[in-house]
PDB file of all heavy atoms in Angstrom:
ATOM      1  N   GLN A   1      28.261  79.152 -55.010  1.00  0.00           N
ATOM      2  CA  GLN A   1      29.057  80.038 -54.243  1.00  0.00           C
ATOM      3  C   GLN A   1      30.241  79.382 -53.858  1.00  0.00           C
ATOM      4  O   GLN A   1      30.276  78.392 -52.946  1.00  0.00           O
ATOM      5  CB  GLN A   1      28.223  80.580 -53.173  1.00  0.00           C
ATOM      6  CG  GLN A   1      28.937  81.753 -52.354  1.00  0.00           C
ATOM      7  CD  GLN A   1      28.035  82.426 -51.305  1.00  0.00           C
ATOM      8  OE1 GLN A   1      26.958  81.842 -50.982  1.00  0.00           O
ATOM      9  NE2 GLN A   1      28.356  83.659 -50.903  1.00  0.00           N
ATOM     10  N   ALA A   2      31.439  80.016 -54.375  1.00  0.00           N
ATOM     11  CA  ALA A   2      32.671  79.401 -53.885  1.00  0.00           C
ATOM     12  C   ALA A   2      33.171  80.358 -52.757  1.00  0.00           C
ATOM     13  O   ALA A   2      32.907  81.598 -52.625  1.00  0.00           O
ATOM     14  CB  ALA A   2      33.740  79.581 -55.014  1.00  0.00           C
ATOM     15  N   PRO A   3      34.119  79.895 -51.897  1.00  0.00           N
ATOM     16  CA  PRO A   3      34.616  80.618 -50.748  1.00  0.00           C
ATOM     17  C   PRO A   3      35.186  81.978 -51.199  1.00  0.00           C
ATOM     18  O   PRO A   3      36.022  81.972 -52.093  1.00  0.00           O
ATOM     19  CB  PRO A   3      35.706  79.786 -50.120  1.00  0.00           C
ATOM     20  CG  PRO A   3      35.303  78.350 -50.568  1.00  0.00           C
ATOM     21  CD  PRO A   3      34.616  78.543 -51.902  1.00  0.00           C
ATOM     22  N   GLY A   4      34.746  83.157 -50.546  1.00  0.00           N
ATOM     23  CA  GLY A   4      35.204  84.251 -50.806  1.00  0.00           C
ATOM     24  C   GLY A   4      34.603  84.968 -51.971  1.00  0.00           C
ATOM     25  O   GLY A   4      35.077  86.168 -52.346  1.00  0.00           O
ATOM     26  N   TYR A   5      33.662  84.403 -52.579  1.00  0.00           N
ATOM     27  CA  TYR A   5      33.007  84.962 -53.937  1.00  0.00           C
ATOM     28  C   TYR A   5      31.529  85.055 -53.549  1.00  0.00           C
ATOM     29  O   TYR A   5      30.923  84.434 -52.654  1.00  0.00           O
ATOM     30  CB  TYR A   5      33.221  84.004 -55.138  1.00  0.00           C
ATOM     31  CG  TYR A   5      34.583  84.015 -55.523  1.00  0.00           C
ATOM     32  CD1 TYR A   5      35.624  83.238 -55.029  1.00  0.00           C
ATOM     33  CD2 TYR A   5      34.940  84.904 -56.676  1.00  0.00           C
ATOM     34  CE1 TYR A   5      36.938  83.072 -55.530  1.00  0.00           C
ATOM     35  CE2 TYR A   5      36.246  84.802 -57.138  1.00  0.00           C
ATOM     36  CZ  TYR A   5      37.165  84.003 -56.536  1.00  0.00           C
ATOM     37  OH  TYR A   5      38.535  84.142 -57.016  1.00  0.00           O
ATOM     38  N   GLN A   6      30.794  85.915 -54.317  1.00  0.00           N
ATOM     39  CA  GLN A   6      29.407  86.137 -54.197  1.00  0.00           C
ATOM     40  C   GLN A   6      28.738  84.950 -54.967  1.00  0.00           C
ATOM     41  O   GLN A   6      29.329  84.210 -55.826  1.00  0.00           O
ATOM     42  CB  GLN A   6      29.029  87.416 -54.827  1.00  0.00           C
ATOM     43  CG  GLN A   6      29.319  88.695 -54.195  1.00  0.00           C
ATOM     44  CD  GLN A   6      28.766  89.854 -54.682  1.00  0.00           C
ATOM     45  OE1 GLN A   6      28.412  89.909 -55.915  1.00  0.00           O
ATOM     46  NE2 GLN A   6      28.508  90.813 -53.918  1.00  0.00           N
ATOM     47  N   ARG A   7      27.395  84.591 -54.473  1.00  0.00           N
ATOM     48  CA  ARG A   7      26.677  83.649 -55.143  1.00  0.00           C
ATOM     49  C   ARG A   7      26.417  84.133 -56.685  1.00  0.00           C
ATOM     50  O   ARG A   7      25.951  85.220 -56.839  1.00  0.00           O
ATOM     51  CB  ARG A   7      25.427  83.499 -54.330  1.00  0.00           C
ATOM     52  CG  ARG A   7      24.606  82.202 -54.840  1.00  0.00           C
ATOM     53  CD  ARG A   7      23.406  82.005 -53.784  1.00  0.00           C
ATOM     54  NE  ARG A   7      23.894  81.619 -52.382  1.00  0.00           N
ATOM     55  CZ  ARG A   7      23.145  81.244 -51.527  1.00  0.00           C
ATOM     56  NH1 ARG A   7      21.830  81.155 -51.691  1.00  0.00           N
ATOM     57  NH2 ARG A   7      23.597  81.088 -50.231  1.00  0.00           N
ATOM     58  N   GLU A   8      26.478  83.262 -57.508  1.00  0.00           N
ATOM     59  CA  GLU A   8      26.274  83.511 -59.015  1.00  0.00           C
ATOM     60  C   GLU A   8      25.375  82.514 -59.632  1.00  0.00           C
ATOM     61  O   GLU A   8      25.328  81.349 -59.286  1.00  0.00           O
ATOM     62  CB  GLU A   8      27.686  83.421 -59.664  1.00  0.00           C
ATOM     63  CG  GLU A   8      28.306  82.046 -59.688  1.00  0.00           C
ATOM     64  CD  GLU A   8      29.655  82.094 -60.577  1.00  0.00           C
ATOM     65  OE1 GLU A   8      30.039  83.221 -61.235  1.00  0.00           O
ATOM     66  OE2 GLU A   8      30.279  81.103 -60.674  1.00  0.00           O
ATOM     67  N   LEU A   9      24.670  83.039 -60.582  1.00  0.00           N
ATOM     68  CA  LEU A   9      23.703  82.197 -61.377  1.00  0.00           C
ATOM     69  C   LEU A   9      24.540  81.274 -62.293  1.00  0.00           C
ATOM     70  O   LEU A   9      25.396  81.727 -63.022  1.00  0.00           O
ATOM     71  CB  LEU A   9      22.724  83.127 -62.041  1.00  0.00           C
ATOM     72  CG  LEU A   9      21.819  82.304 -63.095  1.00  0.00           C
ATOM     73  CD1 LEU A   9      20.885  81.471 -62.353  1.00  0.00           C
ATOM     74  CD2 LEU A   9      21.091  83.424 -63.938  1.00  0.00           C
ATOM     75  N   VAL A  10      24.112  80.026 -62.231  1.00  0.00           N
ATOM     76  CA  VAL A  10      24.823  79.107 -63.247  1.00  0.00           C
ATOM     77  C   VAL A  10      23.989  78.831 -64.252  1.00  0.00           C
ATOM     78  O   VAL A  10      24.261  78.783 -65.485  1.00  0.00           O
ATOM     79  CB  VAL A  10      25.135  77.697 -62.358  1.00  0.00           C
ATOM     80  CG1 VAL A  10      25.694  76.695 -63.365  1.00  0.00           C
ATOM     81  CG2 VAL A  10      26.023  78.106 -61.216  1.00  0.00           C
ATOM     82  N   ALA A  11      22.613  78.533 -64.159  1.00  0.00           N
ATOM     83  CA  ALA A  11      21.688  78.215 -65.105  1.00  0.00           C
ATOM     84  C   ALA A  11      20.311  78.340 -64.587  1.00  0.00           C
ATOM     85  O   ALA A  11      20.108  78.151 -63.319  1.00  0.00           O
ATOM     86  CB  ALA A  11      21.965  76.702 -65.576  1.00  0.00           C
ATOM     87  N   ARG A  12      19.364  78.636 -65.493  1.00  0.00           N
ATOM     88  CA  ARG A  12      17.924  78.671 -64.966  1.00  0.00           C
ATOM     89  C   ARG A  12      17.064  78.200 -66.134  1.00  0.00           C
ATOM     90  O   ARG A  12      17.386  78.041 -67.281  1.00  0.00           O
ATOM     91  CB  ARG A  12      17.662  80.083 -64.642  1.00  0.00           C
ATOM     92  CG  ARG A  12      17.535  81.104 -65.739  1.00  0.00           C
ATOM     93  CD  ARG A  12      16.930  82.367 -65.294  1.00  0.00           C
ATOM     94  NE  ARG A  12      17.007  83.452 -66.452  1.00  0.00           N
ATOM     95  CZ  ARG A  12      17.787  84.461 -66.223  1.00  0.00           C
ATOM     96  NH1 ARG A  12      18.418  84.858 -65.088  1.00  0.00           N
ATOM     97  NH2 ARG A  12      17.848  85.370 -67.236  1.00  0.00           N
ATOM     98  N   ILE A  13      15.867  77.748 -65.775  1.00  0.00           N
ATOM     99  CA  ILE A  13      14.961  77.188 -66.644  1.00  0.00           C
ATOM    100  C   ILE A  13      13.496  77.640 -66.200  1.00  0.00           C
ATOM    101  O   ILE A  13      13.120  77.532 -65.071  1.00  0.00           O
ATOM    102  CB  ILE A  13      14.922  75.597 -66.718  1.00  0.00           C
ATOM    103  CG1 ILE A  13      13.953  75.093 -67.713  1.00  0.00           C
ATOM    104  CG2 ILE A  13      14.749  74.937 -65.449  1.00  0.00           C
ATOM    105  CD1 ILE A  13      14.182  73.634 -68.119  1.00  0.00           C
ATOM    106  N   THR A  14      12.795  78.264 -67.122  1.00  0.00           N
ATOM    107  CA  THR A  14      11.504  78.777 -66.846  1.00  0.00           C
ATOM    108  C   THR A  14      10.427  77.661 -66.837  1.00  0.00           C
ATOM    109  O   THR A  14      10.704  76.603 -67.255  1.00  0.00           O
ATOM    110  CB  THR A  14      11.191  79.939 -67.747  1.00  0.00           C
ATOM    111  OG1 THR A  14      10.847  79.445 -69.099  1.00  0.00           O
ATOM    112  CG2 THR A  14      12.249  80.863 -67.859  1.00  0.00           C
ATOM    113  N   THR A  15       9.199  78.080 -66.510  1.00  0.00           N
ATOM    114  CA  THR A  15       8.024  77.165 -66.473  1.00  0.00           C
ATOM    115  C   THR A  15       7.907  76.685 -68.000  1.00  0.00           C
ATOM    116  O   THR A  15       7.206  75.803 -68.275  1.00  0.00           O
ATOM    117  CB  THR A  15       6.899  77.839 -65.936  1.00  0.00           C
ATOM    118  OG1 THR A  15       6.614  79.118 -66.541  1.00  0.00           O
ATOM    119  CG2 THR A  15       6.946  78.166 -64.455  1.00  0.00           C
ATOM    120  N   GLY A  16       8.115  77.729 -68.889  1.00  0.00           N
ATOM    121  CA  GLY A  16       7.922  77.424 -70.365  1.00  0.00           C
ATOM    122  C   GLY A  16       8.976  76.690 -70.935  1.00  0.00           C
ATOM    123  O   GLY A  16       9.023  76.402 -72.213  1.00  0.00           O
ATOM    124  N   GLY A  17      10.170  76.348 -70.216  1.00  0.00           N
ATOM    125  CA  GLY A  17      11.226  75.632 -70.819  1.00  0.00           C
ATOM    126  C   GLY A  17      12.408  76.407 -71.392  1.00  0.00           C
ATOM    127  O   GLY A  17      13.258  75.887 -71.927  1.00  0.00           O
ATOM    128  N   SER A  18      12.250  77.839 -71.252  1.00  0.00           N
ATOM    129  CA  SER A  18      13.376  78.642 -71.717  1.00  0.00           C
ATOM    130  C   SER A  18      14.628  78.539 -70.763  1.00  0.00           C
ATOM    131  O   SER A  18      14.426  78.483 -69.637  1.00  0.00           O
ATOM    132  CB  SER A  18      12.954  80.092 -71.787  1.00  0.00           C
ATOM    133  OG  SER A  18      11.930  80.327 -72.681  1.00  0.00           O
ATOM    134  N   ILE A  19      15.748  78.367 -71.304  1.00  0.00           N
ATOM    135  CA  ILE A  19      17.038  78.079 -70.591  1.00  0.00           C
ATOM    136  C   ILE A  19      17.990  79.126 -70.818  1.00  0.00           C
ATOM    137  O   ILE A  19      18.262  79.706 -71.986  1.00  0.00           O
ATOM    138  CB  ILE A  19      17.508  76.723 -71.067  1.00  0.00           C
ATOM    139  CG1 ILE A  19      16.569  75.608 -70.497  1.00  0.00           C
ATOM    140  CG2 ILE A  19      18.823  76.461 -70.561  1.00  0.00           C
ATOM    141  CD1 ILE A  19      16.860  74.299 -70.993  1.00  0.00           C
ATOM    142  N   TYR A  20      18.677  79.337 -69.646  1.00  0.00           N
ATOM    143  CA  TYR A  20      19.910  80.371 -69.722  1.00  0.00           C
ATOM    144  C   TYR A  20      21.066  79.655 -68.924  1.00  0.00           C
ATOM    145  O   TYR A  20      20.939  79.049 -67.996  1.00  0.00           O
ATOM    146  CB  TYR A  20      19.518  81.635 -69.015  1.00  0.00           C
ATOM    147  CG  TYR A  20      20.795  82.383 -68.693  1.00  0.00           C
ATOM    148  CD1 TYR A  20      21.262  83.404 -69.514  1.00  0.00           C
ATOM    149  CD2 TYR A  20      21.371  82.315 -67.410  1.00  0.00           C
ATOM    150  CE1 TYR A  20      22.526  84.085 -69.273  1.00  0.00           C
ATOM    151  CE2 TYR A  20      22.506  83.096 -67.078  1.00  0.00           C
ATOM    152  CZ  TYR A  20      23.024  83.951 -68.025  1.00  0.00           C
ATOM    153  OH  TYR A  20      24.209  84.667 -67.678  1.00  0.00           O
ATOM    154  N   TYR A  21      22.230  79.885 -69.589  1.00  0.00           N
ATOM    155  CA  TYR A  21      23.590  79.385 -68.868  1.00  0.00           C
ATOM    156  C   TYR A  21      24.409  80.580 -68.827  1.00  0.00           C
ATOM    157  O   TYR A  21      24.638  81.321 -69.685  1.00  0.00           O
ATOM    158  CB  TYR A  21      24.133  78.264 -69.742  1.00  0.00           C
ATOM    159  CG  TYR A  21      23.411  77.004 -69.939  1.00  0.00           C
ATOM    160  CD1 TYR A  21      22.779  76.777 -71.098  1.00  0.00           C
ATOM    161  CD2 TYR A  21      23.259  76.117 -68.809  1.00  0.00           C
ATOM    162  CE1 TYR A  21      21.895  75.567 -71.209  1.00  0.00           C
ATOM    163  CE2 TYR A  21      22.614  74.967 -68.983  1.00  0.00           C
ATOM    164  CZ  TYR A  21      21.995  74.730 -70.183  1.00  0.00           C
ATOM    165  OH  TYR A  21      21.198  73.602 -70.332  1.00  0.00           O
ATOM    166  N   ALA A  22      25.072  80.487 -67.750  1.00  0.00           N
ATOM    167  CA  ALA A  22      26.308  81.394 -67.631  1.00  0.00           C
ATOM    168  C   ALA A  22      27.369  81.139 -68.607  1.00  0.00           C
ATOM    169  O   ALA A  22      27.491  79.891 -68.940  1.00  0.00           O
ATOM    170  CB  ALA A  22      26.885  81.277 -66.189  1.00  0.00           C
ATOM    171  N   ASP A  23      28.148  81.964 -69.079  1.00  0.00           N
ATOM    172  CA  ASP A  23      29.170  81.753 -70.130  1.00  0.00           C
ATOM    173  C   ASP A  23      30.188  80.678 -69.566  1.00  0.00           C
ATOM    174  O   ASP A  23      30.621  79.919 -70.318  1.00  0.00           O
ATOM    175  CB  ASP A  23      29.846  83.060 -70.497  1.00  0.00           C
ATOM    176  CG  ASP A  23      29.047  83.980 -71.286  1.00  0.00           C
ATOM    177  OD1 ASP A  23      28.001  83.534 -72.021  1.00  0.00           O
ATOM    178  OD2 ASP A  23      29.389  85.106 -71.425  1.00  0.00           O
ATOM    179  N   SER A  24      30.435  80.672 -68.282  1.00  0.00           N
ATOM    180  CA  SER A  24      31.440  79.803 -67.795  1.00  0.00           C
ATOM    181  C   SER A  24      31.099  78.417 -67.804  1.00  0.00           C
ATOM    182  O   SER A  24      32.100  77.427 -67.759  1.00  0.00           O
ATOM    183  CB  SER A  24      31.825  80.178 -66.302  1.00  0.00           C
ATOM    184  OG  SER A  24      30.661  80.195 -65.526  1.00  0.00           O
ATOM    185  N   VAL A  25      29.769  78.066 -68.058  1.00  0.00           N
ATOM    186  CA  VAL A  25      29.445  76.594 -68.046  1.00  0.00           C
ATOM    187  C   VAL A  25      28.766  76.249 -69.259  1.00  0.00           C
ATOM    188  O   VAL A  25      28.400  75.042 -69.304  1.00  0.00           O
ATOM    189  CB  VAL A  25      28.349  76.351 -66.885  1.00  0.00           C
ATOM    190  CG1 VAL A  25      29.032  76.794 -65.529  1.00  0.00           C
ATOM    191  CG2 VAL A  25      26.950  77.043 -67.025  1.00  0.00           C
ATOM    192  N   LYS A  26      28.608  77.141 -70.145  1.00  0.00           N
ATOM    193  CA  LYS A  26      27.891  76.760 -71.503  1.00  0.00           C
ATOM    194  C   LYS A  26      28.777  75.586 -72.216  1.00  0.00           C
ATOM    195  O   LYS A  26      30.011  75.536 -72.130  1.00  0.00           O
ATOM    196  CB  LYS A  26      27.972  77.996 -72.420  1.00  0.00           C
ATOM    197  CG  LYS A  26      26.744  78.992 -72.297  1.00  0.00           C
ATOM    198  CD  LYS A  26      26.894  80.051 -73.168  1.00  0.00           C
ATOM    199  CE  LYS A  26      25.820  81.038 -73.013  1.00  0.00           C
ATOM    200  NZ  LYS A  26      25.796  82.199 -73.822  1.00  0.00           N
ATOM    201  N   ASP A  27      27.934  74.737 -72.904  1.00  0.00           N
ATOM    202  CA  ASP A  27      28.517  73.581 -73.459  1.00  0.00           C
ATOM    203  C   ASP A  27      29.077  72.458 -72.533  1.00  0.00           C
ATOM    204  O   ASP A  27      29.520  71.374 -72.899  1.00  0.00           O
ATOM    205  CB  ASP A  27      29.618  73.902 -74.497  1.00  0.00           C
ATOM    206  CG  ASP A  27      29.022  74.883 -75.517  1.00  0.00           C
ATOM    207  OD1 ASP A  27      27.874  74.764 -75.899  1.00  0.00           O
ATOM    208  OD2 ASP A  27      29.833  75.874 -75.850  1.00  0.00           O
ATOM    209  N   ARG A  28      28.997  72.669 -71.216  1.00  0.00           N
ATOM    210  CA  ARG A  28      29.423  71.660 -70.217  1.00  0.00           C
ATOM    211  C   ARG A  28      28.300  71.287 -69.236  1.00  0.00           C
ATOM    212  O   ARG A  28      28.306  70.064 -68.928  1.00  0.00           O
ATOM    213  CB  ARG A  28      30.591  72.322 -69.504  1.00  0.00           C
ATOM    214  CG  ARG A  28      31.778  72.533 -70.278  1.00  0.00           C
ATOM    215  CD  ARG A  28      33.020  72.925 -69.295  1.00  0.00           C
ATOM    216  NE  ARG A  28      32.711  74.151 -68.398  1.00  0.00           N
ATOM    217  CZ  ARG A  28      32.837  74.015 -67.065  1.00  0.00           C
ATOM    218  NH1 ARG A  28      33.193  72.838 -66.510  1.00  0.00           N
ATOM    219  NH2 ARG A  28      32.642  75.047 -66.395  1.00  0.00           N
ATOM    220  N   PHE A  29      27.481  72.258 -69.023  1.00  0.00           N
ATOM    221  CA  PHE A  29      26.379  71.842 -68.049  1.00  0.00           C
ATOM    222  C   PHE A  29      24.966  71.952 -68.829  1.00  0.00           C
ATOM    223  O   PHE A  29      24.760  72.646 -69.731  1.00  0.00           O
ATOM    224  CB  PHE A  29      26.307  72.971 -66.941  1.00  0.00           C
ATOM    225  CG  PHE A  29      27.435  72.976 -66.027  1.00  0.00           C
ATOM    226  CD1 PHE A  29      28.527  72.204 -66.119  1.00  0.00           C
ATOM    227  CD2 PHE A  29      27.312  73.746 -64.719  1.00  0.00           C
ATOM    228  CE1 PHE A  29      29.608  72.180 -65.218  1.00  0.00           C
ATOM    229  CE2 PHE A  29      28.385  73.777 -63.824  1.00  0.00           C
ATOM    230  CZ  PHE A  29      29.516  72.982 -64.103  1.00  0.00           C
ATOM    231  N   THR A  30      24.031  71.086 -68.315  1.00  0.00           N
ATOM    232  CA  THR A  30      22.782  71.015 -68.895  1.00  0.00           C
ATOM    233  C   THR A  30      21.712  71.101 -67.609  1.00  0.00           C
ATOM    234  O   THR A  30      21.778  70.188 -66.774  1.00  0.00           O
ATOM    235  CB  THR A  30      22.592  69.761 -69.685  1.00  0.00           C
ATOM    236  OG1 THR A  30      23.591  69.685 -70.732  1.00  0.00           O
ATOM    237  CG2 THR A  30      21.118  69.798 -70.306  1.00  0.00           C
ATOM    238  N   ILE A  31      20.741  71.910 -67.773  1.00  0.00           N
ATOM    239  CA  ILE A  31      19.679  72.080 -66.797  1.00  0.00           C
ATOM    240  C   ILE A  31      18.455  71.478 -67.443  1.00  0.00           C
ATOM    241  O   ILE A  31      18.232  71.644 -68.699  1.00  0.00           O
ATOM    242  CB  ILE A  31      19.443  73.570 -66.331  1.00  0.00           C
ATOM    243  CG1 ILE A  31      18.520  73.583 -65.130  1.00  0.00           C
ATOM    244  CG2 ILE A  31      18.995  74.511 -67.536  1.00  0.00           C
ATOM    245  CD1 ILE A  31      18.337  74.946 -64.580  1.00  0.00           C
ATOM    246  N   SER A  32      17.682  70.715 -66.657  1.00  0.00           N
ATOM    247  CA  SER A  32      16.451  70.155 -67.181  1.00  0.00           C
ATOM    248  C   SER A  32      15.531  70.120 -65.911  1.00  0.00           C
ATOM    249  O   SER A  32      15.870  70.172 -64.682  1.00  0.00           O
ATOM    250  CB  SER A  32      16.696  68.831 -67.697  1.00  0.00           C
ATOM    251  OG  SER A  32      17.255  67.929 -66.773  1.00  0.00           O
ATOM    252  N   ARG A  33      14.095  69.884 -66.247  1.00  0.00           N
ATOM    253  CA  ARG A  33      13.139  69.608 -65.250  1.00  0.00           C
ATOM    254  C   ARG A  33      12.264  68.563 -65.513  1.00  0.00           C
ATOM    255  O   ARG A  33      12.037  68.224 -66.772  1.00  0.00           O
ATOM    256  CB  ARG A  33      12.448  70.997 -64.966  1.00  0.00           C
ATOM    257  CG  ARG A  33      11.559  71.542 -66.080  1.00  0.00           C
ATOM    258  CD  ARG A  33      11.058  73.010 -65.880  1.00  0.00           C
ATOM    259  NE  ARG A  33      10.259  72.935 -64.684  1.00  0.00           N
ATOM    260  CZ  ARG A  33       9.956  74.104 -63.997  1.00  0.00           C
ATOM    261  NH1 ARG A  33      10.521  75.292 -64.429  1.00  0.00           N
ATOM    262  NH2 ARG A  33       9.142  74.112 -62.904  1.00  0.00           N
ATOM    263  N   ASP A  34      11.807  68.001 -64.563  1.00  0.00           N
ATOM    264  CA  ASP A  34      10.689  66.914 -64.694  1.00  0.00           C
ATOM    265  C   ASP A  34       9.599  67.294 -63.791  1.00  0.00           C
ATOM    266  O   ASP A  34       9.617  67.039 -62.509  1.00  0.00           O
ATOM    267  CB  ASP A  34      11.258  65.514 -64.349  1.00  0.00           C
ATOM    268  CG  ASP A  34      10.381  64.376 -64.641  1.00  0.00           C
ATOM    269  OD1 ASP A  34       9.241  64.625 -64.674  1.00  0.00           O
ATOM    270  OD2 ASP A  34      10.907  63.277 -64.666  1.00  0.00           O
ATOM    271  N   ASN A  35       8.595  67.878 -64.393  1.00  0.00           N
ATOM    272  CA  ASN A  35       7.416  68.427 -63.533  1.00  0.00           C
ATOM    273  C   ASN A  35       6.628  67.200 -62.842  1.00  0.00           C
ATOM    274  O   ASN A  35       6.131  67.374 -61.829  1.00  0.00           O
ATOM    275  CB  ASN A  35       6.531  69.282 -64.407  1.00  0.00           C
ATOM    276  CG  ASN A  35       7.044  70.538 -64.811  1.00  0.00           C
ATOM    277  OD1 ASN A  35       7.993  71.011 -64.142  1.00  0.00           O
ATOM    278  ND2 ASN A  35       6.553  71.126 -65.812  1.00  0.00           N
ATOM    279  N   ALA A  36       6.704  66.052 -63.515  1.00  0.00           N
ATOM    280  CA  ALA A  36       6.138  64.873 -62.875  1.00  0.00           C
ATOM    281  C   ALA A  36       6.723  64.457 -61.596  1.00  0.00           C
ATOM    282  O   ALA A  36       5.990  63.893 -60.681  1.00  0.00           O
ATOM    283  CB  ALA A  36       5.912  63.766 -63.848  1.00  0.00           C
ATOM    284  N   LYS A  37       7.938  64.736 -61.491  1.00  0.00           N
ATOM    285  CA  LYS A  37       8.831  64.357 -60.346  1.00  0.00           C
ATOM    286  C   LYS A  37       9.103  65.415 -59.451  1.00  0.00           C
ATOM    287  O   LYS A  37       9.804  65.362 -58.418  1.00  0.00           O
ATOM    288  CB  LYS A  37      10.093  63.587 -60.804  1.00  0.00           C
ATOM    289  CG  LYS A  37       9.883  62.186 -61.515  1.00  0.00           C
ATOM    290  CD  LYS A  37      11.100  61.704 -61.778  1.00  0.00           C
ATOM    291  CE  LYS A  37      10.940  60.355 -62.518  1.00  0.00           C
ATOM    292  NZ  LYS A  37      12.154  59.575 -62.834  1.00  0.00           N
ATOM    293  N   ASN A  38       8.600  66.751 -59.720  1.00  0.00           N
ATOM    294  CA  ASN A  38       8.863  67.825 -58.957  1.00  0.00           C
ATOM    295  C   ASN A  38      10.385  68.046 -58.791  1.00  0.00           C
ATOM    296  O   ASN A  38      10.892  68.307 -57.660  1.00  0.00           O
ATOM    297  CB  ASN A  38       8.224  67.864 -57.678  1.00  0.00           C
ATOM    298  CG  ASN A  38       6.672  68.096 -57.720  1.00  0.00           C
ATOM    299  OD1 ASN A  38       6.110  68.114 -58.710  1.00  0.00           O
ATOM    300  ND2 ASN A  38       6.124  68.238 -56.571  1.00  0.00           N
ATOM    301  N   THR A  39      11.103  67.816 -59.889  1.00  0.00           N
ATOM    302  CA  THR A  39      12.589  67.876 -59.660  1.00  0.00           C
ATOM    303  C   THR A  39      13.246  68.725 -60.781  1.00  0.00           C
ATOM    304  O   THR A  39      12.766  68.427 -61.971  1.00  0.00           O
ATOM    305  CB  THR A  39      13.096  66.446 -59.644  1.00  0.00           C
ATOM    306  OG1 THR A  39      12.537  65.775 -58.550  1.00  0.00           O
ATOM    307  CG2 THR A  39      14.775  66.403 -59.466  1.00  0.00           C
ATOM    308  N   VAL A  40      14.373  69.422 -60.483  1.00  0.00           N
ATOM    309  CA  VAL A  40      15.199  70.096 -61.612  1.00  0.00           C
ATOM    310  C   VAL A  40      16.530  69.417 -61.350  1.00  0.00           C
ATOM    311  O   VAL A  40      17.019  69.196 -60.256  1.00  0.00           O
ATOM    312  CB  VAL A  40      15.143  71.529 -61.303  1.00  0.00           C
ATOM    313  CG1 VAL A  40      15.765  72.003 -59.960  1.00  0.00           C
ATOM    314  CG2 VAL A  40      15.868  72.195 -62.459  1.00  0.00           C
ATOM    315  N   TYR A  41      17.214  69.243 -62.552  1.00  0.00           N
ATOM    316  CA  TYR A  41      18.516  68.646 -62.645  1.00  0.00           C
ATOM    317  C   TYR A  41      19.506  69.600 -63.271  1.00  0.00           C
ATOM    318  O   TYR A  41      19.178  70.451 -63.878  1.00  0.00           O
ATOM    319  CB  TYR A  41      18.474  67.302 -63.469  1.00  0.00           C
ATOM    320  CG  TYR A  41      17.445  66.364 -63.042  1.00  0.00           C
ATOM    321  CD1 TYR A  41      16.282  66.329 -63.736  1.00  0.00           C
ATOM    322  CD2 TYR A  41      17.695  65.430 -61.953  1.00  0.00           C
ATOM    323  CE1 TYR A  41      15.238  65.377 -63.250  1.00  0.00           C
ATOM    324  CE2 TYR A  41      16.770  64.544 -61.612  1.00  0.00           C
ATOM    325  CZ  TYR A  41      15.428  64.528 -62.317  1.00  0.00           C
ATOM    326  OH  TYR A  41      14.583  63.645 -61.900  1.00  0.00           O
TER     327      TYR A  41
END
């Protein structure tokens, strides 16, 4: 969420590993998760 703007989805990852990226960040951002560490990056 940037000042004056609504909160927007950047990326998401499901429990099964399916991934979605907003067009504005495709090819620049990478989402990942480590279930052993209870962490998403």
